N, C-alpha and C. Protein backbone atom coordinates (compact mmCIF):
# COMPACT_ATOMS: atom_id res chain seq x y z
N UNK A 1 138.54 86.58 113.78
CA UNK A 1 138.19 87.22 114.65
C UNK A 1 138.14 87.69 115.83
N UNK A 2 138.29 89.27 116.16
CA UNK A 2 138.01 89.11 117.34
C UNK A 2 137.07 88.93 118.38
N UNK A 3 137.55 88.59 119.62
CA UNK A 3 136.07 88.18 120.72
C UNK A 3 135.05 89.44 120.23
N UNK A 4 135.34 90.97 120.77
CA UNK A 4 134.38 91.87 120.25
C UNK A 4 133.81 92.05 119.33
N UNK A 5 134.19 91.40 118.40
CA UNK A 5 133.91 91.64 117.52
C UNK A 5 132.06 91.34 117.19
N UNK A 6 132.45 89.72 117.94
CA UNK A 6 131.41 89.04 117.95
C UNK A 6 130.41 89.15 119.12
N UNK A 7 131.15 89.49 120.13
CA UNK A 7 130.53 90.21 121.16
C UNK A 7 129.47 91.53 120.69
N UNK A 8 130.01 92.62 120.08
CA UNK A 8 129.39 93.22 119.45
C UNK A 8 128.75 94.02 118.32
N UNK A 9 128.84 92.47 117.55
CA UNK A 9 128.30 92.61 116.46
C UNK A 9 128.37 93.52 115.22
N UNK A 10 129.69 94.08 115.43
CA UNK A 10 129.88 95.17 114.56
C UNK A 10 130.35 94.87 113.06
N UNK A 11 130.58 93.78 112.27
CA UNK A 11 129.82 93.17 111.02
C UNK A 11 128.50 93.43 110.69
N UNK A 12 127.44 94.09 111.51
CA UNK A 12 126.01 94.21 111.42
C UNK A 12 125.98 95.69 110.66
N UNK A 13 126.94 96.29 111.23
CA UNK A 13 127.14 97.63 110.81
C UNK A 13 127.32 98.03 109.28
N UNK A 14 127.93 97.55 108.58
CA UNK A 14 127.41 96.94 106.94
C UNK A 14 126.41 97.43 106.34
N UNK A 15 125.11 96.78 107.32
CA UNK A 15 123.83 96.71 107.18
C UNK A 15 122.91 98.20 107.49
N UNK A 16 123.93 99.00 107.96
CA UNK A 16 123.51 100.29 108.93
C UNK A 16 122.63 101.13 107.49
N UNK A 17 123.12 101.45 106.11
CA UNK A 17 122.26 102.05 105.25
C UNK A 17 120.71 101.19 104.52
N UNK A 18 120.61 99.93 104.88
CA UNK A 18 119.89 99.21 104.22
C UNK A 18 118.75 99.13 105.35
N UNK A 19 119.23 99.24 106.22
CA UNK A 19 117.91 99.32 107.72
C UNK A 19 117.65 100.43 107.51
N UNK A 20 118.25 101.71 107.96
CA UNK A 20 117.45 102.96 107.55
C UNK A 20 116.79 102.85 106.35
N UNK A 21 117.07 102.59 105.23
CA UNK A 21 115.64 102.53 104.29
C UNK A 21 115.02 102.01 104.54
N UNK A 22 115.24 100.35 104.99
CA UNK A 22 113.20 99.77 105.46
C UNK A 22 112.84 100.54 106.38
N UNK A 23 113.49 101.43 107.71
CA UNK A 23 113.03 101.99 108.22
C UNK A 23 111.85 103.12 108.10
N UNK A 24 112.93 103.42 106.60
CA UNK A 24 111.89 105.31 106.14
C UNK A 24 110.69 104.67 105.06
N UNK A 25 111.10 103.40 104.37
CA UNK A 25 109.95 102.52 103.35
C UNK A 25 108.85 102.61 104.00
N UNK A 26 109.00 101.70 105.48
CA UNK A 26 108.03 101.24 106.28
C UNK A 26 107.17 102.60 106.73
N UNK A 27 107.86 103.28 107.24
CA UNK A 27 107.18 104.48 108.58
C UNK A 27 106.58 105.22 107.08
N UNK A 28 107.39 105.98 106.09
CA UNK A 28 106.45 106.22 104.76
C UNK A 28 105.55 106.03 104.79
N UNK A 29 105.59 104.20 104.01
CA UNK A 29 103.95 103.79 103.29
C UNK A 29 103.62 103.89 104.49
N UNK A 30 103.27 103.50 106.23
CA UNK A 30 102.46 103.29 107.27
C UNK A 30 101.88 104.86 107.40
N UNK A 31 102.59 105.95 106.85
CA UNK A 31 102.00 107.60 107.01
C UNK A 31 101.27 107.38 105.69
N UNK A 32 101.45 107.50 105.14
CA UNK A 32 100.83 107.91 103.67
C UNK A 32 99.40 106.83 103.82
N UNK A 33 99.67 105.71 104.37
CA UNK A 33 98.23 104.94 104.37
C UNK A 33 97.70 105.17 105.28
N UNK A 34 98.21 105.77 106.28
CA UNK A 34 96.88 105.90 107.41
C UNK A 34 96.36 107.33 107.46
N UNK A 35 96.57 107.96 106.42
CA UNK A 35 95.76 109.36 106.00
C UNK A 35 95.50 109.26 104.55
N UNK A 36 95.52 108.54 103.81
CA UNK A 36 95.11 108.31 102.07
C UNK A 36 93.49 108.38 101.85
N UNK A 37 92.50 107.61 103.45
CA UNK A 37 91.39 108.26 103.44
C UNK A 37 91.00 109.36 103.60
N UNK A 38 91.53 110.15 104.69
CA UNK A 38 91.48 111.04 105.03
C UNK A 38 91.58 112.21 103.63
N UNK A 39 92.51 111.65 102.99
CA UNK A 39 92.71 112.71 101.78
C UNK A 39 91.67 112.68 100.65
N UNK A 40 91.23 111.49 100.35
CA UNK A 40 90.45 110.86 98.87
C UNK A 40 88.94 110.68 99.32
N UNK A 41 88.22 111.34 101.03
CA UNK A 41 86.99 110.93 101.50
C UNK A 41 87.04 112.27 102.23
N UNK A 42 86.04 113.12 102.08
CA UNK A 42 85.55 113.86 102.54
C UNK A 42 84.36 113.20 104.08
N UNK A 43 83.96 112.38 104.11
CA UNK A 43 83.40 112.13 105.27
C UNK A 43 84.90 111.80 106.64
N UNK A 44 85.59 111.00 105.75
CA UNK A 44 86.73 110.32 106.75
C UNK A 44 87.63 111.79 107.37
N UNK A 45 87.93 112.67 106.33
CA UNK A 45 88.07 114.01 107.13
C UNK A 45 87.58 114.48 108.08
N UNK A 46 86.37 114.55 107.80
CA UNK A 46 85.14 114.98 109.01
C UNK A 46 85.41 114.45 110.05
N UNK A 47 85.52 113.39 110.30
CA UNK A 47 85.37 112.14 111.39
C UNK A 47 87.09 112.74 111.75
N UNK A 48 87.73 113.20 111.41
CA UNK A 48 89.08 113.31 111.59
C UNK A 48 88.70 114.89 112.33
N UNK A 49 88.16 115.27 112.01
CA UNK A 49 87.88 116.76 112.43
C UNK A 49 87.38 116.58 113.85
N UNK A 50 85.81 116.05 113.96
CA UNK A 50 85.29 115.31 114.86
C UNK A 50 85.86 115.43 116.45
N UNK A 51 87.43 114.31 115.58
CA UNK A 51 87.87 113.80 116.61
C UNK A 51 88.72 114.26 117.28
N UNK A 52 89.14 115.87 116.56
CA UNK A 52 90.27 116.64 117.03
C UNK A 52 89.17 117.72 118.19
N UNK A 53 88.03 118.08 117.59
CA UNK A 53 87.12 119.00 118.13
C UNK A 53 86.67 118.19 119.77
N UNK A 54 86.85 116.90 120.10
CA UNK A 54 86.54 116.41 121.26
C UNK A 54 87.44 116.07 121.95
N UNK A 55 88.72 116.14 121.49
CA UNK A 55 90.25 116.33 122.25
C UNK A 55 90.55 118.27 122.47
N UNK A 56 89.94 118.37 122.38
CA UNK A 56 90.44 119.86 122.74
C UNK A 56 90.84 120.62 121.72
N UNK A 57 91.03 120.41 120.64
CA UNK A 57 92.25 121.48 119.74
C UNK A 57 91.43 122.58 119.35
N UNK A 58 91.72 123.34 119.24
CA UNK A 58 91.71 124.79 118.85
C UNK A 58 91.53 124.62 117.23
N UNK A 59 91.03 125.43 116.04
CA UNK A 59 90.45 125.12 114.82
C UNK A 59 90.62 123.67 114.13
N UNK A 60 89.62 122.68 114.76
CA UNK A 60 90.14 121.33 114.32
C UNK A 60 89.95 121.24 113.16
N UNK A 61 88.95 122.29 112.44
CA UNK A 61 88.98 121.65 110.99
C UNK A 61 90.26 121.99 110.05
N UNK A 62 90.89 123.31 110.60
CA UNK A 62 92.47 123.40 110.03
C UNK A 62 93.41 122.67 110.26
N UNK A 63 93.37 121.94 112.17
CA UNK A 63 94.28 121.39 112.76
C UNK A 63 94.16 120.09 112.01
N UNK A 64 92.89 119.50 111.73
CA UNK A 64 93.14 117.88 110.97
C UNK A 64 93.58 118.46 109.54
N UNK A 65 93.22 119.05 108.51
CA UNK A 65 93.95 118.92 107.61
C UNK A 65 95.68 119.19 107.87
N UNK A 66 95.95 119.95 108.16
CA UNK A 66 97.19 120.66 108.63
C UNK A 66 97.79 119.34 108.38
N UNK A 67 97.25 118.65 110.02
CA UNK A 67 97.85 116.91 110.19
C UNK A 67 98.27 116.09 109.27
N UNK A 68 96.81 115.91 108.26
CA UNK A 68 96.64 114.51 107.25
C UNK A 68 97.49 114.74 106.53
N UNK A 69 97.61 116.67 105.69
CA UNK A 69 98.69 117.01 104.72
C UNK A 69 100.30 116.54 105.02
N UNK A 70 100.48 117.35 106.36
CA UNK A 70 101.74 117.32 106.92
C UNK A 70 102.42 115.45 106.97
N UNK A 71 101.28 114.65 107.80
CA UNK A 71 101.89 113.63 107.93
C UNK A 71 101.78 112.84 106.35
N UNK A 72 101.07 113.19 105.35
CA UNK A 72 101.30 112.67 103.70
C UNK A 72 102.69 113.29 103.35
N UNK A 73 103.04 114.32 103.52
CA UNK A 73 104.31 114.81 102.59
C UNK A 73 105.41 114.22 103.98
N UNK A 74 105.20 114.09 105.04
CA UNK A 74 106.43 113.23 105.73
C UNK A 74 106.79 112.01 105.17
N UNK A 75 105.29 110.92 105.05
CA UNK A 75 105.50 109.70 104.73
C UNK A 75 106.51 110.19 102.71
N UNK A 76 105.77 111.02 101.90
CA UNK A 76 106.72 110.58 101.06
C UNK A 76 107.63 111.22 100.61
N UNK A 77 108.42 112.43 101.82
CA UNK A 77 109.51 112.80 102.13
C UNK A 77 110.65 111.06 102.90
N UNK A 78 110.09 110.57 103.62
CA UNK A 78 110.75 109.34 103.88
C UNK A 78 110.79 108.47 103.49
N UNK A 79 109.77 108.09 102.62
CA UNK A 79 110.07 107.28 100.96
C UNK A 79 110.94 107.54 100.29
N UNK A 80 111.44 108.70 99.50
CA UNK A 80 112.07 109.33 98.66
C UNK A 80 113.24 109.69 99.56
N UNK A 81 113.31 109.40 100.65
CA UNK A 81 114.33 109.63 101.37
C UNK A 81 115.09 111.32 101.26
N UNK A 82 114.11 112.48 100.97
CA UNK A 82 114.25 113.96 100.50
C UNK A 82 113.70 114.56 101.64
N UNK A 83 114.97 115.56 102.43
CA UNK A 83 114.54 116.23 102.84
C UNK A 83 114.64 115.02 104.61
N UNK A 84 115.21 114.43 104.31
CA UNK A 84 114.57 113.29 105.49
C UNK A 84 114.74 113.98 106.90
N UNK A 85 116.08 114.83 106.96
CA UNK A 85 116.14 115.61 108.73
C UNK A 85 114.72 116.20 108.92
N UNK A 86 114.50 117.47 108.30
CA UNK A 86 113.55 118.36 108.29
C UNK A 86 112.14 117.50 108.27
N UNK A 87 111.95 116.27 107.57
CA UNK A 87 110.22 115.30 107.85
C UNK A 87 110.54 114.76 109.08
N UNK A 88 111.69 114.49 109.67
CA UNK A 88 111.81 113.63 110.73
C UNK A 88 111.24 114.68 111.74
N UNK A 89 111.79 115.89 111.77
CA UNK A 89 111.29 117.08 112.97
C UNK A 89 110.21 117.11 112.88
N UNK A 90 109.67 117.07 111.78
CA UNK A 90 108.06 117.21 111.44
C UNK A 90 107.14 116.32 112.28
N UNK A 91 107.69 115.05 111.77
CA UNK A 91 107.78 113.89 112.33
C UNK A 91 107.20 114.17 113.72
N UNK A 92 108.40 113.81 114.11
CA UNK A 92 108.58 114.19 115.84
C UNK A 92 107.40 115.41 116.63
N UNK A 93 107.39 116.45 115.97
CA UNK A 93 106.35 117.75 116.42
C UNK A 93 104.96 117.14 116.42
N UNK A 94 104.49 116.57 115.04
CA UNK A 94 102.95 116.43 114.73
C UNK A 94 102.84 115.43 115.89
N UNK A 95 104.01 114.33 116.21
CA UNK A 95 103.05 113.17 116.83
C UNK A 95 104.01 113.43 118.23
N UNK A 96 104.18 114.32 118.47
CA UNK A 96 104.12 114.80 120.24
C UNK A 96 103.16 115.84 120.23
N UNK A 97 102.04 116.35 119.31
CA UNK A 97 101.30 117.06 119.60
C UNK A 97 100.22 115.75 119.96
N UNK A 98 100.31 114.78 119.37
CA UNK A 98 99.22 113.76 119.45
C UNK A 98 99.58 112.98 120.83
N UNK A 99 100.47 113.04 121.00
CA UNK A 99 100.51 112.51 122.60
C UNK A 99 99.98 113.11 123.87
N UNK A 100 100.68 114.62 123.64
CA UNK A 100 100.13 115.53 124.47
C UNK A 100 98.55 115.69 124.07
N UNK A 101 97.92 116.03 123.63
CA UNK A 101 96.51 116.06 123.35
C UNK A 101 95.73 114.65 123.21
N UNK A 102 95.70 113.91 122.76
CA UNK A 102 95.16 112.48 122.79
C UNK A 102 95.50 111.48 123.57
N UNK A 103 97.00 111.33 123.39
CA UNK A 103 97.30 110.10 124.37
C UNK A 103 97.42 110.25 126.00
N UNK A 104 97.95 110.94 126.00
CA UNK A 104 97.97 112.02 127.72
C UNK A 104 97.35 110.93 128.51
N UNK A 105 96.04 110.65 128.54
CA UNK A 105 95.63 109.84 129.69
C UNK A 105 95.84 108.17 129.12
N UNK A 106 95.99 108.00 128.68
CA UNK A 106 96.40 106.30 128.00
C UNK A 106 97.47 105.67 128.67
N UNK A 107 96.93 104.25 128.66
CA UNK A 107 98.30 103.73 129.10
C UNK A 107 99.08 103.61 127.90
N UNK A 108 100.42 102.87 128.23
CA UNK A 108 101.44 102.86 127.08
C UNK A 108 100.93 101.98 125.92
N UNK A 109 99.96 100.87 125.84
CA UNK A 109 100.27 100.66 124.24
C UNK A 109 98.93 101.84 123.65
N UNK A 110 98.36 102.63 124.45
CA UNK A 110 97.78 103.75 123.62
C UNK A 110 98.74 104.81 123.04
N UNK A 111 99.67 104.53 124.45
CA UNK A 111 100.62 105.59 123.64
C UNK A 111 101.65 105.63 122.42
N UNK A 112 102.09 103.95 122.27
CA UNK A 112 102.79 103.42 122.05
C UNK A 112 103.28 103.87 120.19
N UNK A 113 102.18 103.91 119.55
CA UNK A 113 102.02 103.99 117.87
C UNK A 113 102.90 105.61 117.87
N UNK A 114 102.40 106.44 118.90
CA UNK A 114 102.15 108.05 118.54
C UNK A 114 103.74 108.05 119.02
N UNK A 115 104.31 107.21 120.16
CA UNK A 115 105.53 107.64 120.73
C UNK A 115 106.51 107.18 119.59
N UNK A 116 106.13 105.93 119.22
CA UNK A 116 107.40 105.49 118.79
C UNK A 116 107.16 106.47 116.97
N UNK A 117 106.69 106.52 116.30
CA UNK A 117 106.80 107.83 115.17
C UNK A 117 107.58 109.33 115.60
N UNK A 118 107.22 109.51 117.00
CA UNK A 118 108.19 111.06 117.56
C UNK A 118 109.45 110.07 117.58
N UNK A 119 109.85 109.08 118.45
CA UNK A 119 111.30 108.41 118.25
C UNK A 119 112.18 108.33 117.13
N UNK A 120 111.18 108.19 116.13
CA UNK A 120 111.47 107.53 114.46
C UNK A 120 111.60 109.06 113.53
N UNK A 121 110.98 109.84 113.95
CA UNK A 121 111.54 111.56 113.30
C UNK A 121 112.80 111.95 113.96
N UNK A 122 112.70 111.38 115.22
CA UNK A 122 114.20 112.09 115.66
C UNK A 122 115.19 111.18 115.32
N UNK A 123 114.88 110.34 115.39
CA UNK A 123 116.26 109.27 114.72
C UNK A 123 116.32 109.60 113.57
N UNK A 124 115.54 109.62 112.29
CA UNK A 124 115.82 110.41 110.98
C UNK A 124 116.29 111.38 110.82
N UNK A 125 115.73 112.35 111.82
CA UNK A 125 116.86 114.20 111.78
C UNK A 125 118.09 114.03 112.28
N UNK A 126 118.24 113.10 113.15
CA UNK A 126 119.35 113.16 113.51
C UNK A 126 120.34 112.30 112.45
N UNK A 127 120.02 110.79 112.31
CA UNK A 127 121.07 110.61 111.40
C UNK A 127 120.48 110.48 109.91
N UNK A 128 119.49 111.11 109.57
CA UNK A 128 120.00 111.04 108.11
C UNK A 128 119.18 109.97 108.00
N UNK A 129 118.80 110.32 105.98
CA UNK A 129 118.51 109.67 105.12
C UNK A 129 119.02 107.77 104.78
N UNK A 130 120.68 108.45 104.91
CA UNK A 130 121.46 107.09 104.42
C UNK A 130 121.59 106.78 103.45
N UNK A 131 123.00 106.32 102.78
CA UNK A 131 122.80 106.23 101.32
C UNK A 131 122.15 105.95 100.26
N UNK A 132 121.25 105.17 100.70
CA UNK A 132 119.86 105.13 99.53
C UNK A 132 118.75 105.89 99.68
N UNK A 133 119.36 106.98 99.27
CA UNK A 133 118.13 108.17 99.37
C UNK A 133 118.52 109.40 98.04
N UNK A 134 117.21 110.10 97.73
CA UNK A 134 117.72 110.60 97.03
C UNK A 134 118.50 112.55 97.58
N UNK A 135 117.84 112.25 99.10
CA UNK A 135 119.16 112.96 99.56
C UNK A 135 120.73 112.71 99.54
N UNK A 136 121.26 111.72 99.43
CA UNK A 136 122.49 110.95 99.17
C UNK A 136 122.78 111.47 97.63
N UNK A 137 121.87 111.45 97.00
CA UNK A 137 121.83 111.61 95.29
C UNK A 137 122.24 113.22 95.22
N UNK A 138 121.63 113.64 96.32
CA UNK A 138 121.74 115.31 95.72
C UNK A 138 122.38 116.24 96.66
N UNK A 139 123.56 114.63 97.10
CA UNK A 139 124.56 116.02 98.17
C UNK A 139 124.31 116.47 99.67
N UNK A 140 122.60 115.98 99.98
CA UNK A 140 122.75 116.38 101.27
C UNK A 140 122.82 115.65 102.16
N UNK A 141 123.10 114.34 101.85
CA UNK A 141 123.34 112.85 102.85
C UNK A 141 124.52 113.31 103.64
N UNK A 142 124.81 113.09 105.00
CA UNK A 142 126.39 113.09 105.24
C UNK A 142 126.03 111.72 105.99
N UNK A 143 127.11 111.03 105.95
CA UNK A 143 127.17 109.80 107.06
C UNK A 143 126.90 110.27 108.19
N UNK A 144 126.57 109.41 109.48
CA UNK A 144 126.44 109.71 110.29
C UNK A 144 128.17 109.72 111.82
N UNK A 145 128.05 110.47 111.99
CA UNK A 145 129.62 110.27 113.12
C UNK A 145 129.24 109.34 113.90
N UNK A 146 130.68 108.38 114.10
CA UNK A 146 130.37 106.92 114.94
C UNK A 146 131.62 107.28 115.45
């Protein structure tokens, strides 16, 4: 094998779709888990409404429900690999709002989870779901241009 193959680890390209699958599954499960208590417990949803109120959101009751259900839908879409590019855009948009409205005054540790979700959303919006997805089964997945 050529030296550049080992320097640049070209053989790892074969695991590209597996890596994207794992990223989608873990991120989707994280999002679903993160909002499940808001969906199933009115008191937890009310805590989220109050949190948004303290951070200056307009219409906090509406915005709390919107954010929770959007995150839940994004999580389901990521896990299934269905409409992944749209889910990625929604993920990025939702967490850009979180960064601007909530995390703006925090240090990097405070920003990190929301910022990473923005970047994962952008990655999946631009790269797509990969081979192991409903997008691929339904013909909506394209191989990324390399």
